[in-house]
Amino acid sequence: MQKPLILVTNDDGITAPGIRNLVEFMNEIGEVVVVAPNSPQSGKGHAITINSTLTFEEISLDGPQTDYSLSGTPVDCVKFALDKILDRKPNIVVSGINHGANSSINVIYSGTMSAAVEAGVEGLQAIGFSLLDFSWDADFSQAKEYIQQIVLKTLENPLPKGVVLNVNIPKLKKEEIKGVKVCRQANAKWEESFDERTNPHGKKYYWLTGYFNNMDDGKDADETALGEGYISVVPVKFDLTAHEHLENIGKVLNT
């Protein structure tokens, strides 16, 4: 039987340890093609490149996969791969492994998840993976079996149309991870401020700072699952319509 074609991308850049580990894990499952940014693109969300040109090149990295580096965003990578690189549709698109969490509200800022969402828009199976460790030398090996199981189960049991998965992995040793929980997105947000400073020439500049405020202690929330030692899996829709409020808002605005 033909091996499944797996498209791998990320937002930390094609040489980041997270994506190199994910590529290694996926090589054991199928035929892998990597199309990833040539530089870090964290926090780019669903941005696309429209005011400048894109370039790409095939690069040589360890493993049997084919690697392409693109001068664009994670969403650009998915679009470009489907239009210019792949000769058939991938069976699944996997994004990550991100260095840092993309749980709760982080999903809307995440380039990692936006790449997965873009694949979903194109009608493809897609999963974004993130590890709750921002360190460049983070240990991704403890999650290998879980990541492979989630990918294999998704290939065997396709997701509903318009749904992709947001998978977050706690920073724990393999034996400390309690399992996988399918969750909802927690009610949490960043409380942000801009730290004002002055450069040697007297000009003011600003650093974005803040803290993460989790306002949700629900047992079914992703932040709760992660805090209890579980891998959280949140099914994500890219249809942003508030369907449950259509009728009531319609009554107000159509009168």
C-alpha atoms as a PDB file:
ATOM      1  CA  MET A   1       0.000   0.000   0.000  1.00  0.00           C
ATOM      2  CA  GLN A   2       1.111   3.577  -0.689  1.00  0.00           C
ATOM      3  CA  LYS A   3       2.418   5.325   2.396  1.00  0.00           C
ATOM      4  CA  PRO A   4       0.410   8.340   3.549  1.00  0.00           C
ATOM      5  CA  LEU A   5       1.827  11.646   2.362  1.00  0.00           C
ATOM      6  CA  ILE A   6       2.498  13.912   5.333  1.00  0.00           C
ATOM      7  CA  LEU A   7       3.141  17.642   4.943  1.00  0.00           C
ATOM      8  CA  VAL A   8       5.093  19.086   7.891  1.00  0.00           C
ATOM      9  CA  THR A   9       5.434  22.778   8.694  1.00  0.00           C
ATOM     10  CA  ASN A  10       5.872  25.062  11.714  1.00  0.00           C
ATOM     11  CA  ASP A  11       6.354  28.664  12.813  1.00  0.00           C
ATOM     12  CA  ASP A  12       9.717  28.421  14.604  1.00  0.00           C
ATOM     13  CA  GLY A  13      11.656  27.924  11.380  1.00  0.00           C
ATOM     14  CA  ILE A  14      12.768  24.883   9.426  1.00  0.00           C
ATOM     15  CA  THR A  15      15.854  24.172  11.549  1.00  0.00           C
ATOM     16  CA  ALA A  16      14.104  24.437  14.935  1.00  0.00           C
ATOM     17  CA  PRO A  17      14.486  21.321  17.114  1.00  0.00           C
ATOM     18  CA  GLY A  18      10.707  21.002  17.428  1.00  0.00           C
ATOM     19  CA  ILE A  19      10.078  20.495  13.728  1.00  0.00           C
ATOM     20  CA  ARG A  20      13.138  18.280  13.320  1.00  0.00           C
ATOM     21  CA  ASN A  21      11.752  15.974  16.020  1.00  0.00           C
ATOM     22  CA  LEU A  22       8.299  16.004  14.420  1.00  0.00           C
ATOM     23  CA  VAL A  23       9.824  15.113  11.047  1.00  0.00           C
ATOM     24  CA  GLU A  24      11.661  12.204  12.653  1.00  0.00           C
ATOM     25  CA  PHE A  25       8.424  10.956  14.235  1.00  0.00           C
ATOM     26  CA  MET A  26       6.492  11.282  10.956  1.00  0.00           C
ATOM     27  CA  ASN A  27       9.173   9.481   8.929  1.00  0.00           C
ATOM     28  CA  GLU A  28       8.145   6.338  10.801  1.00  0.00           C
ATOM     29  CA  ILE A  29       4.562   6.732   9.563  1.00  0.00           C
ATOM     30  CA  GLY A  30       4.667   7.916   5.973  1.00  0.00           C
ATOM     31  CA  GLU A  31       6.290   9.836   3.150  1.00  0.00           C
ATOM     32  CA  VAL A  32       7.242  13.244   4.497  1.00  0.00           C
ATOM     33  CA  VAL A  33       7.601  16.571   2.735  1.00  0.00           C
ATOM     34  CA  VAL A  34       8.609  19.581   4.792  1.00  0.00           C
ATOM     35  CA  VAL A  35       7.757  23.133   3.742  1.00  0.00           C
ATOM     36  CA  ALA A  36       8.614  25.528   6.560  1.00  0.00           C
ATOM     37  CA  PRO A  37       9.663  29.151   7.076  1.00  0.00           C
ATOM     38  CA  ASN A  38      13.326  30.005   6.635  1.00  0.00           C
ATOM     39  CA  SER A  39      13.217  32.117   9.810  1.00  0.00           C
ATOM     40  CA  PRO A  40      11.121  32.247  13.014  1.00  0.00           C
ATOM     41  CA  GLN A  41       7.510  33.333  12.469  1.00  0.00           C
ATOM     42  CA  SER A  42       6.028  32.995  15.950  1.00  0.00           C
ATOM     43  CA  GLY A  43       2.921  35.049  16.682  1.00  0.00           C
ATOM     44  CA  LYS A  44       2.158  35.648  13.013  1.00  0.00           C
ATOM     45  CA  GLY A  45      -1.283  34.070  13.290  1.00  0.00           C
ATOM     46  CA  HIS A  46      -2.961  33.629   9.905  1.00  0.00           C
ATOM     47  CA  ALA A  47      -0.801  36.227   8.156  1.00  0.00           C
ATOM     48  CA  ILE A  48       0.004  35.803   4.467  1.00  0.00           C
ATOM     49  CA  THR A  49       2.581  37.556   2.301  1.00  0.00           C
ATOM     50  CA  ILE A  50       0.970  39.974  -0.164  1.00  0.00           C
ATOM     51  CA  ASN A  51       3.303  42.978  -0.429  1.00  0.00           C
ATOM     52  CA  SER A  52       6.515  41.171  -1.291  1.00  0.00           C
ATOM     53  CA  THR A  53       7.659  38.151  -3.268  1.00  0.00           C
ATOM     54  CA  LEU A  54       8.374  34.657  -1.954  1.00  0.00           C
ATOM     55  CA  THR A  55      11.408  32.493  -2.605  1.00  0.00           C
ATOM     56  CA  PHE A  56      12.052  28.873  -1.721  1.00  0.00           C
ATOM     57  CA  GLU A  57      14.836  26.342  -1.928  1.00  0.00           C
ATOM     58  CA  GLU A  58      15.296  22.657  -1.302  1.00  0.00           C
ATOM     59  CA  ILE A  59      17.780  22.097   1.490  1.00  0.00           C
ATOM     60  CA  SER A  60      19.638  19.018   2.654  1.00  0.00           C
ATOM     61  CA  LEU A  61      18.900  17.891   6.200  1.00  0.00           C
ATOM     62  CA  ASP A  62      19.171  14.521   7.935  1.00  0.00           C
ATOM     63  CA  GLY A  63      16.498  11.968   7.115  1.00  0.00           C
ATOM     64  CA  PRO A  64      14.662  10.503   4.111  1.00  0.00           C
ATOM     65  CA  GLN A  65      12.193  13.394   3.874  1.00  0.00           C
ATOM     66  CA  THR A  66      12.359  16.254   1.380  1.00  0.00           C
ATOM     67  CA  ASP A  67      12.861  19.682   2.947  1.00  0.00           C
ATOM     68  CA  TYR A  68      11.926  23.035   1.438  1.00  0.00           C
ATOM     69  CA  SER A  69      12.648  26.391   3.061  1.00  0.00           C
ATOM     70  CA  LEU A  70      10.245  29.255   2.219  1.00  0.00           C
ATOM     71  CA  SER A  71      10.657  32.991   2.817  1.00  0.00           C
ATOM     72  CA  GLY A  72       7.125  33.349   4.135  1.00  0.00           C
ATOM     73  CA  THR A  73       4.699  32.711   6.961  1.00  0.00           C
ATOM     74  CA  PRO A  74       3.392  29.327   8.142  1.00  0.00           C
ATOM     75  CA  VAL A  75       0.168  29.866   6.180  1.00  0.00           C
ATOM     76  CA  ASP A  76       2.233  30.774   3.104  1.00  0.00           C
ATOM     77  CA  CYS A  77       4.034  27.452   3.529  1.00  0.00           C
ATOM     78  CA  VAL A  78       0.818  25.438   3.371  1.00  0.00           C
ATOM     79  CA  LYS A  79      -0.544  27.403   0.421  1.00  0.00           C
ATOM     80  CA  PHE A  80       2.750  27.187  -1.475  1.00  0.00           C
ATOM     81  CA  ALA A  81       3.202  23.488  -0.785  1.00  0.00           C
ATOM     82  CA  LEU A  82      -0.243  22.648  -2.144  1.00  0.00           C
ATOM     83  CA  ASP A  83       0.140  24.817  -5.243  1.00  0.00           C
ATOM     84  CA  LYS A  84       3.796  24.488  -6.225  1.00  0.00           C
ATOM     85  CA  ILE A  85       5.533  21.583  -4.518  1.00  0.00           C
ATOM     86  CA  LEU A  86       3.302  18.573  -3.913  1.00  0.00           C
ATOM     87  CA  ASP A  87       2.134  16.444  -6.808  1.00  0.00           C
ATOM     88  CA  ARG A  88      -0.815  15.066  -4.830  1.00  0.00           C
ATOM     89  CA  LYS A  89      -2.826  16.157  -1.830  1.00  0.00           C
ATOM     90  CA  PRO A  90      -1.289  15.190   1.503  1.00  0.00           C
ATOM     91  CA  ASN A  91      -3.205  12.729   3.645  1.00  0.00           C
ATOM     92  CA  ILE A  92      -2.500  14.911   6.654  1.00  0.00           C
ATOM     93  CA  VAL A  93      -0.763  18.185   7.546  1.00  0.00           C
ATOM     94  CA  VAL A  94       1.082  18.391  10.864  1.00  0.00           C
ATOM     95  CA  SER A  95       2.446  21.640  12.268  1.00  0.00           C
ATOM     96  CA  GLY A  96       5.012  22.052  15.047  1.00  0.00           C
ATOM     97  CA  ILE A  97       6.243  20.902  17.383  1.00  0.00           C
ATOM     98  CA  ASN A  98       5.977  24.457  18.690  1.00  0.00           C
ATOM     99  CA  HIS A  99       8.390  25.672  21.356  1.00  0.00           C
ATOM    100  CA  GLY A 100       5.800  26.915  23.863  1.00  0.00           C
ATOM    101  CA  ALA A 101       2.091  26.594  24.577  1.00  0.00           C
ATOM    102  CA  ASN A 102      -0.705  27.224  22.104  1.00  0.00           C
ATOM    103  CA  SER A 103      -3.493  26.361  24.513  1.00  0.00           C
ATOM    104  CA  SER A 104      -6.568  28.503  25.271  1.00  0.00           C
ATOM    105  CA  ILE A 105      -6.465  31.997  23.677  1.00  0.00           C
ATOM    106  CA  ASN A 106      -2.970  31.396  22.252  1.00  0.00           C
ATOM    107  CA  VAL A 107      -4.585  29.478  19.396  1.00  0.00           C
ATOM    108  CA  ILE A 108      -5.615  32.710  17.666  1.00  0.00           C
ATOM    109  CA  TYR A 109      -2.089  34.192  17.716  1.00  0.00           C
ATOM    110  CA  SER A 110      -0.293  30.988  16.810  1.00  0.00           C
ATOM    111  CA  GLY A 111       1.454  30.541  13.478  1.00  0.00           C
ATOM    112  CA  THR A 112       1.666  26.841  14.296  1.00  0.00           C
ATOM    113  CA  MET A 113      -2.096  26.498  14.573  1.00  0.00           C
ATOM    114  CA  SER A 114      -2.805  28.865  11.688  1.00  0.00           C
ATOM    115  CA  ALA A 115      -0.894  26.538   9.383  1.00  0.00           C
ATOM    116  CA  ALA A 116      -3.088  23.665  10.557  1.00  0.00           C
ATOM    117  CA  VAL A 117      -6.232  25.776  10.164  1.00  0.00           C
ATOM    118  CA  GLU A 118      -5.214  26.738   6.615  1.00  0.00           C
ATOM    119  CA  ALA A 119      -4.893  23.048   5.789  1.00  0.00           C
ATOM    120  CA  GLY A 120      -8.370  22.540   7.209  1.00  0.00           C
ATOM    121  CA  VAL A 121      -9.707  25.333   5.005  1.00  0.00           C
ATOM    122  CA  GLU A 122      -8.370  23.324   2.063  1.00  0.00           C
ATOM    123  CA  GLY A 123     -10.316  20.291   3.235  1.00  0.00           C
ATOM    124  CA  LEU A 124      -7.299  18.435   4.640  1.00  0.00           C
ATOM    125  CA  GLN A 125      -6.782  16.572   7.897  1.00  0.00           C
ATOM    126  CA  ALA A 126      -4.574  18.735  10.106  1.00  0.00           C
ATOM    127  CA  ILE A 127      -3.053  18.840  13.571  1.00  0.00           C
ATOM    128  CA  GLY A 128      -0.949  21.428  15.390  1.00  0.00           C
ATOM    129  CA  PHE A 129       1.421  20.203  18.120  1.00  0.00           C
ATOM    130  CA  SER A 130       2.934  22.335  20.878  1.00  0.00           C
ATOM    131  CA  LEU A 131       5.129  21.597  23.901  1.00  0.00           C
ATOM    132  CA  LEU A 132       4.899  23.749  27.018  1.00  0.00           C
ATOM    133  CA  ASP A 133       8.620  24.480  26.946  1.00  0.00           C
ATOM    134  CA  PHE A 134      10.055  27.570  25.225  1.00  0.00           C
ATOM    135  CA  SER A 135      13.617  26.319  25.543  1.00  0.00           C
ATOM    136  CA  TRP A 136      15.490  25.745  22.280  1.00  0.00           C
ATOM    137  CA  ASP A 137      16.926  22.519  23.704  1.00  0.00           C
ATOM    138  CA  ALA A 138      13.563  21.252  24.989  1.00  0.00           C
ATOM    139  CA  ASP A 139      13.110  17.478  25.213  1.00  0.00           C
ATOM    140  CA  PHE A 140      10.461  16.403  22.694  1.00  0.00           C
ATOM    141  CA  SER A 141      11.117  12.672  22.945  1.00  0.00           C
ATOM    142  CA  GLN A 142       8.708  12.044  25.830  1.00  0.00           C
ATOM    143  CA  ALA A 143       5.756  12.865  23.551  1.00  0.00           C
ATOM    144  CA  LYS A 144       6.798  10.755  20.546  1.00  0.00           C
ATOM    145  CA  GLU A 145       4.400   7.851  21.095  1.00  0.00           C
ATOM    146  CA  TYR A 146       1.467  10.149  21.868  1.00  0.00           C
ATOM    147  CA  ILE A 147       2.093  12.280  18.788  1.00  0.00           C
ATOM    148  CA  GLN A 148       2.357   9.241  16.543  1.00  0.00           C
ATOM    149  CA  GLN A 149      -0.800   7.710  18.036  1.00  0.00           C
ATOM    150  CA  ILE A 150      -2.795  10.915  17.514  1.00  0.00           C
ATOM    151  CA  VAL A 151      -1.643  11.160  13.896  1.00  0.00           C
ATOM    152  CA  LEU A 152      -2.353   7.481  13.163  1.00  0.00           C
ATOM    153  CA  LYS A 153      -5.796   7.596  14.785  1.00  0.00           C
ATOM    154  CA  THR A 154      -6.648  10.728  12.806  1.00  0.00           C
ATOM    155  CA  LEU A 155      -5.580   9.054   9.557  1.00  0.00           C
ATOM    156  CA  GLU A 156      -7.728   6.039  10.421  1.00  0.00           C
ATOM    157  CA  ASN A 157     -10.685   8.091  11.678  1.00  0.00           C
ATOM    158  CA  PRO A 158     -10.846  11.355   9.697  1.00  0.00           C
ATOM    159  CA  LEU A 159     -11.958  14.507  11.482  1.00  0.00           C
ATOM    160  CA  PRO A 160     -15.279  16.134  10.609  1.00  0.00           C
ATOM    161  CA  LYS A 161     -15.142  18.650   7.788  1.00  0.00           C
ATOM    162  CA  GLY A 162     -13.975  22.044   9.011  1.00  0.00           C
ATOM    163  CA  VAL A 163     -12.289  20.711  12.183  1.00  0.00           C
ATOM    164  CA  VAL A 164      -8.578  20.522  13.014  1.00  0.00           C
ATOM    165  CA  LEU A 165      -6.842  19.519  16.251  1.00  0.00           C
ATOM    166  CA  ASN A 166      -4.881  21.713  18.651  1.00  0.00           C
ATOM    167  CA  VAL A 167      -2.624  19.431  20.714  1.00  0.00           C
ATOM    168  CA  ASN A 168      -0.647  20.744  23.683  1.00  0.00           C
ATOM    169  CA  ILE A 169       1.857  18.656  25.619  1.00  0.00           C
ATOM    170  CA  PRO A 170       2.857  19.391  29.236  1.00  0.00           C
ATOM    171  CA  LYS A 171       6.517  19.765  30.136  1.00  0.00           C
ATOM    172  CA  LEU A 172       6.829  16.421  31.882  1.00  0.00           C
ATOM    173  CA  LYS A 173       8.814  13.229  31.648  1.00  0.00           C
ATOM    174  CA  LYS A 174       7.196  10.422  29.661  1.00  0.00           C
ATOM    175  CA  GLU A 175       6.269   8.461  32.780  1.00  0.00           C
ATOM    176  CA  GLU A 176       4.665  11.555  34.323  1.00  0.00           C
ATOM    177  CA  ILE A 177       2.237  12.188  31.451  1.00  0.00           C
ATOM    178  CA  LYS A 178      -1.122  10.766  32.525  1.00  0.00           C
ATOM    179  CA  GLY A 179      -2.613  10.411  29.052  1.00  0.00           C
ATOM    180  CA  VAL A 180      -4.673  12.386  26.536  1.00  0.00           C
ATOM    181  CA  LYS A 181      -7.803  14.437  27.224  1.00  0.00           C
ATOM    182  CA  VAL A 182     -10.092  15.941  24.596  1.00  0.00           C
ATOM    183  CA  CYS A 183     -10.989  19.370  25.955  1.00  0.00           C
ATOM    184  CA  ARG A 184     -12.539  22.721  25.236  1.00  0.00           C
ATOM    185  CA  GLN A 185     -10.551  25.939  24.948  1.00  0.00           C
ATOM    186  CA  ALA A 186     -10.135  27.545  28.357  1.00  0.00           C
ATOM    187  CA  ASN A 187     -11.375  31.043  29.130  1.00  0.00           C
ATOM    188  CA  ALA A 188      -8.002  32.736  29.516  1.00  0.00           C
ATOM    189  CA  LYS A 189      -6.194  35.743  28.094  1.00  0.00           C
ATOM    190  CA  TRP A 190      -3.025  37.767  28.213  1.00  0.00           C
ATOM    191  CA  GLU A 191      -3.047  40.867  30.420  1.00  0.00           C
ATOM    192  CA  GLU A 192      -0.623  42.994  28.443  1.00  0.00           C
ATOM    193  CA  SER A 193       1.301  46.232  28.791  1.00  0.00           C
ATOM    194  CA  PHE A 194       3.991  47.995  26.809  1.00  0.00           C
ATOM    195  CA  ASP A 195       7.183  48.589  28.751  1.00  0.00           C
ATOM    196  CA  GLU A 196       8.468  52.041  27.769  1.00  0.00           C
ATOM    197  CA  ARG A 197      12.220  52.578  27.480  1.00  0.00           C
ATOM    198  CA  THR A 198      14.554  55.180  25.982  1.00  0.00           C
ATOM    199  CA  ASN A 199      17.457  54.447  23.648  1.00  0.00           C
ATOM    200  CA  PRO A 200      20.856  56.254  23.840  1.00  0.00           C
ATOM    201  CA  HIS A 201      19.598  58.814  21.306  1.00  0.00           C
ATOM    202  CA  GLY A 202      16.663  59.777  23.506  1.00  0.00           C
ATOM    203  CA  LYS A 203      14.028  58.066  21.400  1.00  0.00           C
ATOM    204  CA  LYS A 204      11.376  56.031  23.163  1.00  0.00           C
ATOM    205  CA  TYR A 205      10.764  52.383  22.308  1.00  0.00           C
ATOM    206  CA  TYR A 206       8.482  49.704  23.729  1.00  0.00           C
ATOM    207  CA  TRP A 207       8.606  46.009  24.667  1.00  0.00           C
ATOM    208  CA  LEU A 208       5.363  44.048  24.871  1.00  0.00           C
ATOM    209  CA  THR A 209       5.101  42.453  28.319  1.00  0.00           C
ATOM    210  CA  GLY A 210       2.360  40.979  30.443  1.00  0.00           C
ATOM    211  CA  TYR A 211       1.133  37.865  32.162  1.00  0.00           C
ATOM    212  CA  PHE A 212      -1.216  35.003  31.359  1.00  0.00           C
ATOM    213  CA  ASN A 213      -4.528  35.150  33.235  1.00  0.00           C
ATOM    214  CA  ASN A 214      -6.409  31.848  33.404  1.00  0.00           C
ATOM    215  CA  MET A 215      -9.975  32.598  34.506  1.00  0.00           C
ATOM    216  CA  ASP A 216     -11.242  29.058  33.962  1.00  0.00           C
ATOM    217  CA  ASP A 217     -11.000  26.162  36.415  1.00  0.00           C
ATOM    218  CA  GLY A 218     -13.433  23.941  34.533  1.00  0.00           C
ATOM    219  CA  LYS A 219     -12.479  20.258  34.560  1.00  0.00           C
ATOM    220  CA  ASP A 220     -13.077  20.087  30.793  1.00  0.00           C
ATOM    221  CA  ALA A 221     -10.780  23.029  29.925  1.00  0.00           C
ATOM    222  CA  ASP A 222      -7.407  22.556  28.231  1.00  0.00           C
ATOM    223  CA  GLU A 223      -5.492  24.560  30.832  1.00  0.00           C
ATOM    224  CA  THR A 224      -6.895  22.330  33.581  1.00  0.00           C
ATOM    225  CA  ALA A 225      -5.939  19.157  31.736  1.00  0.00           C
ATOM    226  CA  LEU A 226      -2.398  20.416  31.155  1.00  0.00           C
ATOM    227  CA  GLY A 227      -2.053  21.429  34.794  1.00  0.00           C
ATOM    228  CA  GLU A 228      -3.084  17.915  35.829  1.00  0.00           C
ATOM    229  CA  GLY A 229      -0.467  16.285  33.618  1.00  0.00           C
ATOM    230  CA  TYR A 230      -2.540  15.387  30.566  1.00  0.00           C
ATOM    231  CA  ILE A 231      -1.959  16.138  26.903  1.00  0.00           C
ATOM    232  CA  SER A 232      -4.827  18.392  25.830  1.00  0.00           C
ATOM    233  CA  VAL A 233      -6.548  17.977  22.472  1.00  0.00           C
ATOM    234  CA  VAL A 234      -8.969  20.713  21.432  1.00  0.00           C
ATOM    235  CA  PRO A 235     -11.010  20.308  18.226  1.00  0.00           C
ATOM    236  CA  VAL A 236     -10.881  23.722  16.522  1.00  0.00           C
ATOM    237  CA  LYS A 237     -13.274  25.157  13.922  1.00  0.00           C
ATOM    238  CA  PHE A 238     -12.346  27.925  11.522  1.00  0.00           C
ATOM    239  CA  ASP A 239     -15.975  28.946  11.005  1.00  0.00           C
ATOM    240  CA  LEU A 240     -16.098  31.899  13.423  1.00  0.00           C
ATOM    241  CA  THR A 241     -19.825  32.446  13.075  1.00  0.00           C
ATOM    242  CA  ALA A 242     -21.651  32.618  16.423  1.00  0.00           C
ATOM    243  CA  HIS A 243     -24.403  30.328  15.171  1.00  0.00           C
ATOM    244  CA  GLU A 244     -26.164  30.166  18.540  1.00  0.00           C
ATOM    245  CA  HIS A 245     -26.733  33.940  18.459  1.00  0.00           C
ATOM    246  CA  LEU A 246     -27.823  34.382  14.824  1.00  0.00           C
ATOM    247  CA  GLU A 247     -31.522  34.332  15.545  1.00  0.00           C
ATOM    248  CA  ASN A 248     -31.510  36.743  18.498  1.00  0.00           C
ATOM    249  CA  ILE A 249     -29.175  39.257  16.859  1.00  0.00           C
ATOM    250  CA  GLY A 250     -31.234  38.995  13.692  1.00  0.00           C
ATOM    251  CA  LYS A 251     -34.353  39.914  15.614  1.00  0.00           C
ATOM    252  CA  VAL A 252     -32.659  43.006  16.998  1.00  0.00           C
ATOM    253  CA  LEU A 253     -31.030  44.264  13.816  1.00  0.00           C
ATOM    254  CA  ASN A 254     -33.830  43.406  11.402  1.00  0.00           C
ATOM    255  CA  THR A 255     -36.479  45.381  13.273  1.00  0.00           C
END
